[in-house]
């Protein structure tokens, strides 16, 4: 009889689990630095925003990318010009839906998880 692994002891192997883990790590990165989480995984304007955060007068739209291993390429390569266009469109729709946040400065970050290490690229585009 096989022993069932304890919860949390398995490394996520599918894409969704890897992405969820990376998003959770990015979320904690920002929270530990005083950012308030406004939204996570929100669909607006036809596209998804992974993290919407605020600290002071700055709204941060953070795109989270992760890959299952170094052999699968760099997560930052996944943020293509088309992806940037979509993120900007979603951010504009989000700001239109939240008029109280329109006076804030806006920043786009990318959080990339590679082999268990999180890299935040602030003001990525």
PDB file of N, CA and C in Angstrom:
ATOM      1  N   UNK A   1       0.848  -1.186   0.000  1.00  0.00           N
ATOM      2  CA  UNK A   1       0.000   0.000   0.000  1.00  0.00           C
ATOM      3  C   UNK A   1       0.886   1.239   0.000  1.00  0.00           C
ATOM      4  N   UNK A   2       0.615   2.141  -0.946  1.00  0.00           N
ATOM      5  CA  UNK A   2       1.389   3.368  -1.045  1.00  0.00           C
ATOM      6  C   UNK A   2       0.984   4.337   0.053  1.00  0.00           C
ATOM      7  N   UNK A   3       1.984   5.003   0.597  1.00  0.00           N
ATOM      8  CA  UNK A   3       1.705   6.014   1.601  1.00  0.00           C
ATOM      9  C   UNK A   3       1.358   7.314   0.886  1.00  0.00           C
ATOM     10  N   UNK A   4       0.256   7.921   1.292  1.00  0.00           N
ATOM     11  CA  UNK A   4      -0.182   9.167   0.692  1.00  0.00           C
ATOM     12  C   UNK A   4       0.705  10.306   1.200  1.00  0.00           C
ATOM     13  N   UNK A   5       1.238  11.153   0.292  1.00  0.00           N
ATOM     14  CA  UNK A   5       2.087  12.253   0.739  1.00  0.00           C
ATOM     15  C   UNK A   5       1.291  13.252   1.573  1.00  0.00           C
ATOM     16  N   UNK A   6       1.969  13.856   2.535  1.00  0.00           N
ATOM     17  CA  UNK A   6       1.312  14.859   3.360  1.00  0.00           C
ATOM     18  C   UNK A   6       1.040  16.096   2.533  1.00  0.00           C
ATOM     19  N   UNK A   7       0.002  16.784   2.911  1.00  0.00           N
ATOM     20  CA  UNK A   7      -0.362  18.007   2.201  1.00  0.00           C
ATOM     21  C   UNK A   7       0.782  19.017   2.291  1.00  0.00           C
ATOM     22  N   UNK A   8       1.102  19.639   1.160  1.00  0.00           N
ATOM     23  CA  UNK A   8       2.160  20.631   1.129  1.00  0.00           C
ATOM     24  C   UNK A   8       3.534  20.047   0.864  1.00  0.00           C
ATOM     25  N   UNK A   9       3.647  18.720   0.910  1.00  0.00           N
ATOM     26  CA  UNK A   9       4.958  18.120   0.699  1.00  0.00           C
ATOM     27  C   UNK A   9       5.239  17.878  -0.782  1.00  0.00           C
ATOM     28  N   UNK A  10       4.202  17.919  -1.597  1.00  0.00           N
ATOM     29  CA  UNK A  10       4.391  17.712  -3.031  1.00  0.00           C
ATOM     30  C   UNK A  10       4.720  19.028  -3.708  1.00  0.00           C
ATOM     31  N   UNK A  11       5.574  18.986  -4.701  1.00  0.00           N
ATOM     32  CA  UNK A  11       5.830  20.164  -5.526  1.00  0.00           C
ATOM     33  C   UNK A  11       4.748  20.205  -6.595  1.00  0.00           C
ATOM     34  N   UNK A  12       4.182  21.364  -6.828  1.00  0.00           N
ATOM     35  CA  UNK A  12       3.152  21.423  -7.862  1.00  0.00           C
ATOM     36  C   UNK A  12       3.744  21.093  -9.227  1.00  0.00           C
ATOM     37  N   UNK A  13       3.041  20.286  -9.969  1.00  0.00           N
ATOM     38  CA  UNK A  13       3.568  19.868 -11.258  1.00  0.00           C
ATOM     39  C   UNK A  13       2.782  20.444 -12.423  1.00  0.00           C
ATOM     40  N   UNK A  14       1.559  20.868 -12.181  1.00  0.00           N
ATOM     41  CA  UNK A  14       0.810  21.409 -13.312  1.00  0.00           C
ATOM     42  C   UNK A  14       0.909  22.926 -13.365  1.00  0.00           C
ATOM     43  N   UNK A  15       0.609  23.463 -14.504  1.00  0.00           N
ATOM     44  CA  UNK A  15       0.769  24.889 -14.759  1.00  0.00           C
ATOM     45  C   UNK A  15      -0.036  25.745 -13.797  1.00  0.00           C
ATOM     46  N   UNK A  16      -1.261  25.368 -13.550  1.00  0.00           N
ATOM     47  CA  UNK A  16      -2.119  26.154 -12.653  1.00  0.00           C
ATOM     48  C   UNK A  16      -1.551  26.195 -11.245  1.00  0.00           C
ATOM     49  N   UNK A  17      -1.088  25.067 -10.738  1.00  0.00           N
ATOM     50  CA  UNK A  17      -0.524  25.024  -9.384  1.00  0.00           C
ATOM     51  C   UNK A  17       0.751  25.857  -9.295  1.00  0.00           C
ATOM     52  N   UNK A  18       1.580  25.795 -10.323  1.00  0.00           N
ATOM     53  CA  UNK A  18       2.812  26.589 -10.342  1.00  0.00           C
ATOM     54  C   UNK A  18       2.465  28.076 -10.343  1.00  0.00           C
ATOM     55  N   UNK A  19       1.493  28.474 -11.157  1.00  0.00           N
ATOM     56  CA  UNK A  19       1.068  29.873 -11.214  1.00  0.00           C
ATOM     57  C   UNK A  19       0.452  30.353  -9.917  1.00  0.00           C
ATOM     58  N   UNK A  20      -0.362  29.521  -9.303  1.00  0.00           N
ATOM     59  CA  UNK A  20      -0.994  29.878  -8.037  1.00  0.00           C
ATOM     60  C   UNK A  20       0.052  30.084  -6.946  1.00  0.00           C
ATOM     61  N   UNK A  21       1.034  29.208  -6.903  1.00  0.00           N
ATOM     62  CA  UNK A  21       2.096  29.340  -5.904  1.00  0.00           C
ATOM     63  C   UNK A  21       2.884  30.630  -6.124  1.00  0.00           C
ATOM     64  N   UNK A  22       3.188  30.948  -7.371  1.00  0.00           N
ATOM     65  CA  UNK A  22       3.929  32.173  -7.679  1.00  0.00           C
ATOM     66  C   UNK A  22       3.111  33.415  -7.310  1.00  0.00           C
ATOM     67  N   UNK A  23       1.822  33.394  -7.594  1.00  0.00           N
ATOM     68  CA  UNK A  23       0.969  34.520  -7.235  1.00  0.00           C
ATOM     69  C   UNK A  23       0.914  34.715  -5.725  1.00  0.00           C
ATOM     70  N   UNK A  24       0.841  33.624  -4.991  1.00  0.00           N
ATOM     71  CA  UNK A  24       0.812  33.708  -3.527  1.00  0.00           C
ATOM     72  C   UNK A  24       2.113  34.313  -2.991  1.00  0.00           C
ATOM     73  N   UNK A  25       3.236  33.878  -3.555  1.00  0.00           N
ATOM     74  CA  UNK A  25       4.527  34.424  -3.126  1.00  0.00           C
ATOM     75  C   UNK A  25       4.637  35.910  -3.452  1.00  0.00           C
ATOM     76  N   UNK A  26       4.192  36.305  -4.636  1.00  0.00           N
ATOM     77  CA  UNK A  26       4.239  37.718  -5.019  1.00  0.00           C
ATOM     78  C   UNK A  26       3.329  38.551  -4.107  1.00  0.00           C
ATOM     79  N   UNK A  27       2.171  38.018  -3.804  1.00  0.00           N
ATOM     80  CA  UNK A  27       1.236  38.707  -2.923  1.00  0.00           C
ATOM     81  C   UNK A  27       1.883  38.979  -1.567  1.00  0.00           C
ATOM     82  N   UNK A  28       2.523  37.977  -0.994  1.00  0.00           N
ATOM     83  CA  UNK A  28       3.193  38.152   0.299  1.00  0.00           C
ATOM     84  C   UNK A  28       4.373  39.094   0.194  1.00  0.00           C
ATOM     85  N   UNK A  29       5.087  39.072  -0.898  1.00  0.00           N
ATOM     86  CA  UNK A  29       6.189  40.015  -1.112  1.00  0.00           C
ATOM     87  C   UNK A  29       5.685  41.450  -0.949  1.00  0.00           C
ATOM     88  N   UNK A  30       4.584  41.755  -1.609  1.00  0.00           N
ATOM     89  CA  UNK A  30       4.043  43.109  -1.549  1.00  0.00           C
ATOM     90  C   UNK A  30       3.451  43.420  -0.181  1.00  0.00           C
ATOM     91  N   UNK A  31       2.727  42.493   0.390  1.00  0.00           N
ATOM     92  CA  UNK A  31       2.113  42.743   1.699  1.00  0.00           C
ATOM     93  C   UNK A  31       3.162  43.025   2.763  1.00  0.00           C
ATOM     94  N   UNK A  32       4.259  42.303   2.730  1.00  0.00           N
ATOM     95  CA  UNK A  32       5.334  42.522   3.702  1.00  0.00           C
ATOM     96  C   UNK A  32       5.988  43.894   3.526  1.00  0.00           C
ATOM     97  N   UNK A  33       5.796  44.511   2.377  1.00  0.00           N
ATOM     98  CA  UNK A  33       6.379  45.822   2.098  1.00  0.00           C
ATOM     99  C   UNK A  33       5.349  46.941   2.204  1.00  0.00           C
ATOM    100  N   UNK A  34       4.224  46.647   2.812  1.00  0.00           N
ATOM    101  CA  UNK A  34       3.235  47.672   3.107  1.00  0.00           C
ATOM    102  C   UNK A  34       2.199  47.954   2.042  1.00  0.00           C
ATOM    103  N   UNK A  35       2.102  47.101   1.036  1.00  0.00           N
ATOM    104  CA  UNK A  35       1.085  47.289   0.001  1.00  0.00           C
ATOM    105  C   UNK A  35      -0.234  46.693   0.471  1.00  0.00           C
ATOM    106  N   UNK A  36      -1.311  47.340   0.087  1.00  0.00           N
ATOM    107  CA  UNK A  36      -2.649  46.837   0.371  1.00  0.00           C
ATOM    108  C   UNK A  36      -3.155  46.128  -0.875  1.00  0.00           C
ATOM    109  N   UNK A  37      -3.686  44.949  -0.713  1.00  0.00           N
ATOM    110  CA  UNK A  37      -4.206  44.174  -1.841  1.00  0.00           C
ATOM    111  C   UNK A  37      -5.620  44.662  -2.150  1.00  0.00           C
ATOM    112  N   UNK A  38      -5.807  45.155  -3.363  1.00  0.00           N
ATOM    113  CA  UNK A  38      -7.129  45.628  -3.779  1.00  0.00           C
ATOM    114  C   UNK A  38      -7.904  44.537  -4.500  1.00  0.00           C
ATOM    115  N   UNK A  39      -7.213  43.768  -5.342  1.00  0.00           N
ATOM    116  CA  UNK A  39      -7.871  42.693  -6.104  1.00  0.00           C
ATOM    117  C   UNK A  39      -6.841  41.635  -6.469  1.00  0.00           C
ATOM    118  N   UNK A  40      -7.312  40.421  -6.650  1.00  0.00           N
ATOM    119  CA  UNK A  40      -6.480  39.347  -7.193  1.00  0.00           C
ATOM    120  C   UNK A  40      -7.278  38.616  -8.261  1.00  0.00           C
ATOM    121  N   UNK A  41      -6.612  38.267  -9.328  1.00  0.00           N
ATOM    122  CA  UNK A  41      -7.206  37.501 -10.425  1.00  0.00           C
ATOM    123  C   UNK A  41      -8.552  38.053 -10.875  1.00  0.00           C
ATOM    124  N   UNK A  42      -8.586  39.337 -11.134  1.00  0.00           N
ATOM    125  CA  UNK A  42      -9.826  39.990 -11.547  1.00  0.00           C
ATOM    126  C   UNK A  42      -9.861  40.074 -13.077  1.00  0.00           C
ATOM    127  N   UNK A  43     -11.017  39.705 -13.634  1.00  0.00           N
ATOM    128  CA  UNK A  43     -11.235  39.815 -15.079  1.00  0.00           C
ATOM    129  C   UNK A  43     -11.985  41.105 -15.327  1.00  0.00           C
ATOM    130  N   UNK A  44     -11.391  41.952 -16.172  1.00  0.00           N
ATOM    131  CA  UNK A  44     -12.021  43.243 -16.489  1.00  0.00           C
ATOM    132  C   UNK A  44     -11.531  43.689 -17.862  1.00  0.00           C
ATOM    133  N   UNK A  45     -12.387  44.280 -18.625  1.00  0.00           N
ATOM    134  CA  UNK A  45     -12.009  44.731 -19.968  1.00  0.00           C
ATOM    135  C   UNK A  45     -11.623  43.579 -20.878  1.00  0.00           C
ATOM    136  N   UNK A  46     -12.083  42.371 -20.547  1.00  0.00           N
ATOM    137  CA  UNK A  46     -11.792  41.199 -21.367  1.00  0.00           C
ATOM    138  C   UNK A  46     -10.485  40.497 -21.039  1.00  0.00           C
ATOM    139  N   UNK A  47      -9.764  41.001 -20.038  1.00  0.00           N
ATOM    140  CA  UNK A  47      -8.466  40.416 -19.687  1.00  0.00           C
ATOM    141  C   UNK A  47      -8.328  40.293 -18.172  1.00  0.00           C
ATOM    142  N   UNK A  48      -7.340  39.512 -17.746  1.00  0.00           N
ATOM    143  CA  UNK A  48      -7.134  39.273 -16.318  1.00  0.00           C
ATOM    144  C   UNK A  48      -5.982  40.112 -15.775  1.00  0.00           C
ATOM    145  N   UNK A  49      -6.207  40.648 -14.581  1.00  0.00           N
ATOM    146  CA  UNK A  49      -5.154  41.306 -13.816  1.00  0.00           C
ATOM    147  C   UNK A  49      -4.821  40.378 -12.649  1.00  0.00           C
ATOM    148  N   UNK A  50      -3.561  39.962 -12.530  1.00  0.00           N
ATOM    149  CA  UNK A  50      -3.184  39.021 -11.470  1.00  0.00           C
ATOM    150  C   UNK A  50      -3.277  39.663 -10.091  1.00  0.00           C
ATOM    151  N   UNK A  51      -2.596  40.790  -9.915  1.00  0.00           N
ATOM    152  CA  UNK A  51      -2.604  41.487  -8.625  1.00  0.00           C
ATOM    153  C   UNK A  51      -2.805  42.976  -8.858  1.00  0.00           C
ATOM    154  N   UNK A  52      -3.696  43.562  -8.073  1.00  0.00           N
ATOM    155  CA  UNK A  52      -3.873  45.011  -8.055  1.00  0.00           C
ATOM    156  C   UNK A  52      -3.609  45.438  -6.619  1.00  0.00           C
ATOM    157  N   UNK A  53      -2.608  46.310  -6.448  1.00  0.00           N
ATOM    158  CA  UNK A  53      -2.142  46.679  -5.118  1.00  0.00           C
ATOM    159  C   UNK A  53      -2.057  48.191  -4.993  1.00  0.00           C
ATOM    160  N   UNK A  54      -2.024  48.648  -3.743  1.00  0.00           N
ATOM    161  CA  UNK A  54      -1.869  50.088  -3.521  1.00  0.00           C
ATOM    162  C   UNK A  54      -0.977  50.319  -2.313  1.00  0.00           C
ATOM    163  N   UNK A  55      -0.098  51.287  -2.483  1.00  0.00           N
ATOM    164  CA  UNK A  55       0.708  51.770  -1.357  1.00  0.00           C
ATOM    165  C   UNK A  55       0.813  53.273  -1.516  1.00  0.00           C
ATOM    166  N   UNK A  56       0.280  53.986  -0.551  1.00  0.00           N
ATOM    167  CA  UNK A  56       0.263  55.440  -0.655  1.00  0.00           C
ATOM    168  C   UNK A  56      -0.560  55.883  -1.847  1.00  0.00           C
ATOM    169  N   UNK A  57       0.051  56.683  -2.706  1.00  0.00           N
ATOM    170  CA  UNK A  57      -0.639  57.206  -3.885  1.00  0.00           C
ATOM    171  C   UNK A  57      -0.295  56.430  -5.148  1.00  0.00           C
ATOM    172  N   UNK A  58       0.189  55.198  -4.994  1.00  0.00           N
ATOM    173  CA  UNK A  58       0.588  54.391  -6.152  1.00  0.00           C
ATOM    174  C   UNK A  58      -0.256  53.126  -6.249  1.00  0.00           C
ATOM    175  N   UNK A  59      -0.819  52.923  -7.430  1.00  0.00           N
ATOM    176  CA  UNK A  59      -1.520  51.677  -7.756  1.00  0.00           C
ATOM    177  C   UNK A  59      -0.551  50.833  -8.572  1.00  0.00           C
ATOM    178  N   UNK A  60      -0.401  49.576  -8.193  1.00  0.00           N
ATOM    179  CA  UNK A  60       0.481  48.659  -8.915  1.00  0.00           C
ATOM    180  C   UNK A  60      -0.360  47.544  -9.522  1.00  0.00           C
ATOM    181  N   UNK A  61      -0.211  47.375 -10.819  1.00  0.00           N
ATOM    182  CA  UNK A  61      -0.789  46.240 -11.522  1.00  0.00           C
ATOM    183  C   UNK A  61       0.368  45.278 -11.749  1.00  0.00           C
ATOM    184  N   UNK A  62       0.312  44.126 -11.113  1.00  0.00           N
ATOM    185  CA  UNK A  62       1.428  43.178 -11.176  1.00  0.00           C
ATOM    186  C   UNK A  62       1.021  41.922 -11.952  1.00  0.00           C
ATOM    187  N   UNK A  63       1.774  41.635 -12.977  1.00  0.00           N
ATOM    188  CA  UNK A  63       1.607  40.404 -13.756  1.00  0.00           C
ATOM    189  C   UNK A  63       2.571  39.372 -13.187  1.00  0.00           C
ATOM    190  N   UNK A  64       2.063  38.197 -12.857  1.00  0.00           N
ATOM    191  CA  UNK A  64       2.886  37.148 -12.258  1.00  0.00           C
ATOM    192  C   UNK A  64       3.117  36.054 -13.290  1.00  0.00           C
ATOM    193  N   UNK A  65       4.378  35.684 -13.468  1.00  0.00           N
ATOM    194  CA  UNK A  65       4.743  34.648 -14.428  1.00  0.00           C
ATOM    195  C   UNK A  65       5.662  33.636 -13.751  1.00  0.00           C
ATOM    196  N   UNK A  66       5.472  32.374 -14.082  1.00  0.00           N
ATOM    197  CA  UNK A  66       6.310  31.308 -13.531  1.00  0.00           C
ATOM    198  C   UNK A  66       6.430  30.199 -14.559  1.00  0.00           C
ATOM    199  N   UNK A  67       7.526  29.494 -14.481  1.00  0.00           N
ATOM    200  CA  UNK A  67       7.758  28.326 -15.342  1.00  0.00           C
ATOM    201  C   UNK A  67       8.136  27.151 -14.445  1.00  0.00           C
ATOM    202  N   UNK A  68       7.888  25.966 -14.927  1.00  0.00           N
ATOM    203  CA  UNK A  68       8.153  24.749 -14.162  1.00  0.00           C
ATOM    204  C   UNK A  68       9.623  24.414 -13.987  1.00  0.00           C
ATOM    205  N   UNK A  69      10.495  25.056 -14.700  1.00  0.00           N
ATOM    206  CA  UNK A  69      11.924  24.797 -14.580  1.00  0.00           C
ATOM    207  C   UNK A  69      12.704  25.610 -15.592  1.00  0.00           C
ATOM    208  N   UNK A  70      14.005  25.695 -15.389  1.00  0.00           N
ATOM    209  CA  UNK A  70      14.863  26.498 -16.264  1.00  0.00           C
ATOM    210  C   UNK A  70      14.824  26.013 -17.714  1.00  0.00           C
ATOM    211  N   UNK A  71      14.613  24.723 -17.887  1.00  0.00           N
ATOM    212  CA  UNK A  71      14.564  24.165 -19.236  1.00  0.00           C
ATOM    213  C   UNK A  71      13.334  24.616 -20.029  1.00  0.00           C
ATOM    214  N   UNK A  72      12.389  25.239 -19.365  1.00  0.00           N
ATOM    215  CA  UNK A  72      11.167  25.697 -20.033  1.00  0.00           C
ATOM    216  C   UNK A  72      11.230  27.158 -20.471  1.00  0.00           C
ATOM    217  N   UNK A  73      12.353  27.812 -20.242  1.00  0.00           N
ATOM    218  CA  UNK A  73      12.500  29.201 -20.658  1.00  0.00           C
ATOM    219  C   UNK A  73      12.333  30.164 -19.497  1.00  0.00           C
ATOM    220  N   UNK A  74      12.518  31.433 -19.801  1.00  0.00           N
ATOM    221  CA  UNK A  74      12.442  32.476 -18.786  1.00  0.00           C
ATOM    222  C   UNK A  74      11.015  33.020 -18.694  1.00  0.00           C
ATOM    223  N   UNK A  75      10.473  33.159 -17.485  1.00  0.00           N
ATOM    224  CA  UNK A  75       9.108  33.675 -17.349  1.00  0.00           C
ATOM    225  C   UNK A  75       8.930  35.083 -17.915  1.00  0.00           C
ATOM    226  N   UNK A  76       9.965  35.895 -17.851  1.00  0.00           N
ATOM    227  CA  UNK A  76       9.840  37.263 -18.366  1.00  0.00           C
ATOM    228  C   UNK A  76       9.610  37.300 -19.870  1.00  0.00           C
ATOM    229  N   UNK A  77      10.062  36.259 -20.572  1.00  0.00           N
ATOM    230  CA  UNK A  77       9.834  36.189 -22.016  1.00  0.00           C
ATOM    231  C   UNK A  77       8.351  36.071 -22.362  1.00  0.00           C
ATOM    232  N   UNK A  78       7.547  35.678 -21.391  1.00  0.00           N
ATOM    233  CA  UNK A  78       6.122  35.508 -21.617  1.00  0.00           C
ATOM    234  C   UNK A  78       5.374  36.843 -21.641  1.00  0.00           C
ATOM    235  N   UNK A  79       6.033  37.918 -21.226  1.00  0.00           N
ATOM    236  CA  UNK A  79       5.395  39.234 -21.242  1.00  0.00           C
ATOM    237  C   UNK A  79       5.753  39.899 -22.571  1.00  0.00           C
ATOM    238  N   UNK A  80       4.970  39.570 -23.559  1.00  0.00           N
ATOM    239  CA  UNK A  80       5.173  40.037 -24.934  1.00  0.00           C
ATOM    240  C   UNK A  80       4.531  41.417 -25.126  1.00  0.00           C
ATOM    241  N   UNK A  81       4.819  42.084 -26.223  1.00  0.00           N
ATOM    242  CA  UNK A  81       4.138  43.358 -26.497  1.00  0.00           C
ATOM    243  C   UNK A  81       2.603  43.223 -26.505  1.00  0.00           C
ATOM    244  N   UNK A  82       2.098  42.119 -26.997  1.00  0.00           N
ATOM    245  CA  UNK A  82       0.639  41.898 -26.980  1.00  0.00           C
ATOM    246  C   UNK A  82       0.137  41.769 -25.543  1.00  0.00           C
ATOM    247  N   UNK A  83       0.875  41.085 -24.697  1.00  0.00           N
ATOM    248  CA  UNK A  83       0.498  40.936 -23.288  1.00  0.00           C
ATOM    249  C   UNK A  83       0.502  42.304 -22.602  1.00  0.00           C
ATOM    250  N   UNK A  84       1.496  43.119 -22.893  1.00  0.00           N
ATOM    251  CA  UNK A  84       1.577  44.471 -22.326  1.00  0.00           C
ATOM    252  C   UNK A  84       0.353  45.280 -22.755  1.00  0.00           C
ATOM    253  N   UNK A  85      -0.020  45.185 -24.026  1.00  0.00           N
ATOM    254  CA  UNK A  85      -1.199  45.900 -24.527  1.00  0.00           C
ATOM    255  C   UNK A  85      -2.452  45.481 -23.771  1.00  0.00           C
ATOM    256  N   UNK A  86      -2.601  44.174 -23.565  1.00  0.00           N
ATOM    257  CA  UNK A  86      -3.773  43.649 -22.859  1.00  0.00           C
ATOM    258  C   UNK A  86      -3.802  44.091 -21.396  1.00  0.00           C
ATOM    259  N   UNK A  87      -2.648  44.086 -20.757  1.00  0.00           N
ATOM    260  CA  UNK A  87      -2.577  44.519 -19.361  1.00  0.00           C
ATOM    261  C   UNK A  87      -2.928  45.992 -19.225  1.00  0.00           C
ATOM    262  N   UNK A  88      -2.430  46.789 -20.144  1.00  0.00           N
ATOM    263  CA  UNK A  88      -2.756  48.221 -20.114  1.00  0.00           C
ATOM    264  C   UNK A  88      -4.257  48.444 -20.328  1.00  0.00           C
ATOM    265  N   UNK A  89      -4.841  47.685 -21.233  1.00  0.00           N
ATOM    266  CA  UNK A  89      -6.282  47.803 -21.492  1.00  0.00           C
ATOM    267  C   UNK A  89      -7.080  47.400 -20.248  1.00  0.00           C
ATOM    268  N   UNK A  90      -6.690  46.308 -19.616  1.00  0.00           N
ATOM    269  CA  UNK A  90      -7.381  45.868 -18.402  1.00  0.00           C
ATOM    270  C   UNK A  90      -7.215  46.888 -17.284  1.00  0.00           C
ATOM    271  N   UNK A  91      -6.021  47.454 -17.156  1.00  0.00           N
ATOM    272  CA  UNK A  91      -5.775  48.459 -16.116  1.00  0.00           C
ATOM    273  C   UNK A  91      -6.633  49.698 -16.356  1.00  0.00           C
ATOM    274  N   UNK A  92      -6.750  50.126 -17.599  1.00  0.00           N
ATOM    275  CA  UNK A  92      -7.599  51.277 -17.920  1.00  0.00           C
ATOM    276  C   UNK A  92      -9.051  50.989 -17.543  1.00  0.00           C
ATOM    277  N   UNK A  93      -9.525  49.789 -17.841  1.00  0.00           N
ATOM    278  CA  UNK A  93     -10.897  49.407 -17.490  1.00  0.00           C
ATOM    279  C   UNK A  93     -11.061  49.370 -15.972  1.00  0.00           C
ATOM    280  N   UNK A  94     -10.060  48.858 -15.273  1.00  0.00           N
ATOM    281  CA  UNK A  94     -10.133  48.790 -13.803  1.00  0.00           C
ATOM    282  C   UNK A  94     -10.189  50.191 -13.217  1.00  0.00           C
ATOM    283  N   UNK A  95      -9.339  51.084 -13.706  1.00  0.00           N
ATOM    284  CA  UNK A  95      -9.337  52.461 -13.203  1.00  0.00           C
ATOM    285  C   UNK A  95     -10.656  53.170 -13.511  1.00  0.00           C
ATOM    286  N   UNK A  96     -11.236  52.894 -14.672  1.00  0.00           N
ATOM    287  CA  UNK A  96     -12.537  53.483 -15.018  1.00  0.00           C
ATOM    288  C   UNK A  96     -13.629  52.994 -14.068  1.00  0.00           C
ATOM    289  N   UNK A  97     -13.519  51.749 -13.618  1.00  0.00           N
ATOM    290  CA  UNK A  97     -14.505  51.175 -12.700  1.00  0.00           C
ATOM    291  C   UNK A  97     -14.270  51.599 -11.250  1.00  0.00           C
ATOM    292  N   UNK A  98     -13.118  52.196 -10.973  1.00  0.00           N
ATOM    293  CA  UNK A  98     -12.767  52.631  -9.613  1.00  0.00           C
ATOM    294  C   UNK A  98     -12.346  54.102  -9.654  1.00  0.00           C
ATOM    295  N   UNK A  99     -13.318  55.008  -9.808  1.00  0.00           N
ATOM    296  CA  UNK A  99     -12.988  56.421  -9.984  1.00  0.00           C
ATOM    297  C   UNK A  99     -12.203  57.024  -8.825  1.00  0.00           C
ATOM    298  N   UNK A 100     -12.331  56.481  -7.630  1.00  0.00           N
ATOM    299  CA  UNK A 100     -11.589  56.998  -6.480  1.00  0.00           C
ATOM    300  C   UNK A 100     -10.093  56.766  -6.579  1.00  0.00           C
ATOM    301  N   UNK A 101      -9.672  55.872  -7.447  1.00  0.00           N
ATOM    302  CA  UNK A 101      -8.252  55.538  -7.593  1.00  0.00           C
ATOM    303  C   UNK A 101      -7.597  56.254  -8.778  1.00  0.00           C
ATOM    304  N   UNK A 102      -8.374  57.008  -9.534  1.00  0.00           N
ATOM    305  CA  UNK A 102      -7.859  57.639 -10.765  1.00  0.00           C
ATOM    306  C   UNK A 102      -6.759  58.660 -10.518  1.00  0.00           C
ATOM    307  N   UNK A 103      -6.738  59.274  -9.361  1.00  0.00           N
ATOM    308  CA  UNK A 103      -5.740  60.310  -9.069  1.00  0.00           C
ATOM    309  C   UNK A 103      -4.388  59.720  -8.672  1.00  0.00           C
ATOM    310  N   UNK A 104      -4.319  58.426  -8.530  1.00  0.00           N
ATOM    311  CA  UNK A 104      -3.079  57.765  -8.108  1.00  0.00           C
ATOM    312  C   UNK A 104      -2.103  57.617  -9.271  1.00  0.00           C
ATOM    313  N   UNK A 105      -0.846  57.483  -8.933  1.00  0.00           N
ATOM    314  CA  UNK A 105       0.169  57.114  -9.913  1.00  0.00           C
ATOM    315  C   UNK A 105      -0.024  55.640 -10.232  1.00  0.00           C
ATOM    316  N   UNK A 106       0.281  55.247 -11.443  1.00  0.00           N
ATOM    317  CA  UNK A 106       0.102  53.856 -11.868  1.00  0.00           C
ATOM    318  C   UNK A 106       1.456  53.274 -12.241  1.00  0.00           C
ATOM    319  N   UNK A 107       1.664  52.023 -11.807  1.00  0.00           N
ATOM    320  CA  UNK A 107       2.907  51.319 -12.126  1.00  0.00           C
ATOM    321  C   UNK A 107       2.569  49.892 -12.531  1.00  0.00           C
ATOM    322  N   UNK A 108       3.321  49.384 -13.495  1.00  0.00           N
ATOM    323  CA  UNK A 108       3.160  47.999 -13.934  1.00  0.00           C
ATOM    324  C   UNK A 108       4.411  47.225 -13.543  1.00  0.00           C
ATOM    325  N   UNK A 109       4.235  46.207 -12.717  1.00  0.00           N
ATOM    326  CA  UNK A 109       5.334  45.343 -12.296  1.00  0.00           C
ATOM    327  C   UNK A 109       5.141  43.961 -12.889  1.00  0.00           C
ATOM    328  N   UNK A 110       6.231  43.223 -12.973  1.00  0.00           N
ATOM    329  CA  UNK A 110       6.171  41.814 -13.344  1.00  0.00           C
ATOM    330  C   UNK A 110       6.894  41.033 -12.255  1.00  0.00           C
ATOM    331  N   UNK A 111       6.237  40.012 -11.742  1.00  0.00           N
ATOM    332  CA  UNK A 111       6.846  39.112 -10.767  1.00  0.00           C
ATOM    333  C   UNK A 111       7.140  37.806 -11.491  1.00  0.00           C
ATOM    334  N   UNK A 112       8.404  37.413 -11.491  1.00  0.00           N
ATOM    335  CA  UNK A 112       8.815  36.188 -12.182  1.00  0.00           C
ATOM    336  C   UNK A 112       9.392  35.214 -11.167  1.00  0.00           C
ATOM    337  N   UNK A 113       8.857  34.001 -11.164  1.00  0.00           N
ATOM    338  CA  UNK A 113       9.395  32.967 -10.286  1.00  0.00           C
ATOM    339  C   UNK A 113      10.178  31.976 -11.134  1.00  0.00           C
ATOM    340  N   UNK A 114      11.433  31.813 -10.740  1.00  0.00           N
ATOM    341  CA  UNK A 114      12.328  30.872 -11.417  1.00  0.00           C
ATOM    342  C   UNK A 114      12.943  29.966 -10.373  1.00  0.00           C
ATOM    343  N   UNK A 115      12.803  28.701 -10.566  1.00  0.00           N
ATOM    344  CA  UNK A 115      13.389  27.679  -9.684  1.00  0.00           C
ATOM    345  C   UNK A 115      13.301  28.067  -8.217  1.00  0.00           C
ATOM    346  N   UNK A 116      12.111  28.471  -7.807  1.00  0.00           N
ATOM    347  CA  UNK A 116      11.864  28.773  -6.406  1.00  0.00           C
ATOM    348  C   UNK A 116      12.260  30.160  -5.950  1.00  0.00           C
ATOM    349  N   UNK A 117      12.778  30.995  -6.826  1.00  0.00           N
ATOM    350  CA  UNK A 117      13.176  32.353  -6.452  1.00  0.00           C
ATOM    351  C   UNK A 117      12.279  33.358  -7.156  1.00  0.00           C
ATOM    352  N   UNK A 118      11.829  34.335  -6.382  1.00  0.00           N
ATOM    353  CA  UNK A 118      10.935  35.350  -6.916  1.00  0.00           C
ATOM    354  C   UNK A 118      11.723  36.610  -7.246  1.00  0.00           C
ATOM    355  N   UNK A 119      11.521  37.121  -8.450  1.00  0.00           N
ATOM    356  CA  UNK A 119      12.132  38.378  -8.870  1.00  0.00           C
ATOM    357  C   UNK A 119      11.012  39.341  -9.220  1.00  0.00           C
ATOM    358  N   UNK A 120      11.052  40.529  -8.635  1.00  0.00           N
ATOM    359  CA  UNK A 120      10.075  41.555  -8.946  1.00  0.00           C
ATOM    360  C   UNK A 120      10.757  42.586  -9.838  1.00  0.00           C
ATOM    361  N   UNK A 121      10.182  42.818 -11.011  1.00  0.00           N
ATOM    362  CA  UNK A 121      10.671  43.857 -11.905  1.00  0.00           C
ATOM    363  C   UNK A 121       9.690  45.014 -11.773  1.00  0.00           C
ATOM    364  N   UNK A 122      10.079  46.013 -10.983  1.00  0.00           N
ATOM    365  CA  UNK A 122       9.215  47.172 -10.758  1.00  0.00           C
ATOM    366  C   UNK A 122       9.254  48.080 -11.973  1.00  0.00           C
ATOM    367  N   UNK A 123       8.111  48.671 -12.279  1.00  0.00           N
ATOM    368  CA  UNK A 123       7.996  49.594 -13.402  1.00  0.00           C
ATOM    369  C   UNK A 123       8.519  48.953 -14.683  1.00  0.00           C
ATOM    370  N   UNK A 124       8.045  47.732 -14.943  1.00  0.00           N
ATOM    371  CA  UNK A 124       8.556  46.905 -16.045  1.00  0.00           C
ATOM    372  C   UNK A 124       8.223  47.473 -17.425  1.00  0.00           C
ATOM    373  N   UNK A 125       7.119  48.192 -17.529  1.00  0.00           N
ATOM    374  CA  UNK A 125       6.737  48.789 -18.816  1.00  0.00           C
ATOM    375  C   UNK A 125       5.821  49.956 -18.597  1.00  0.00           C
TER     376      UNK A 125
END
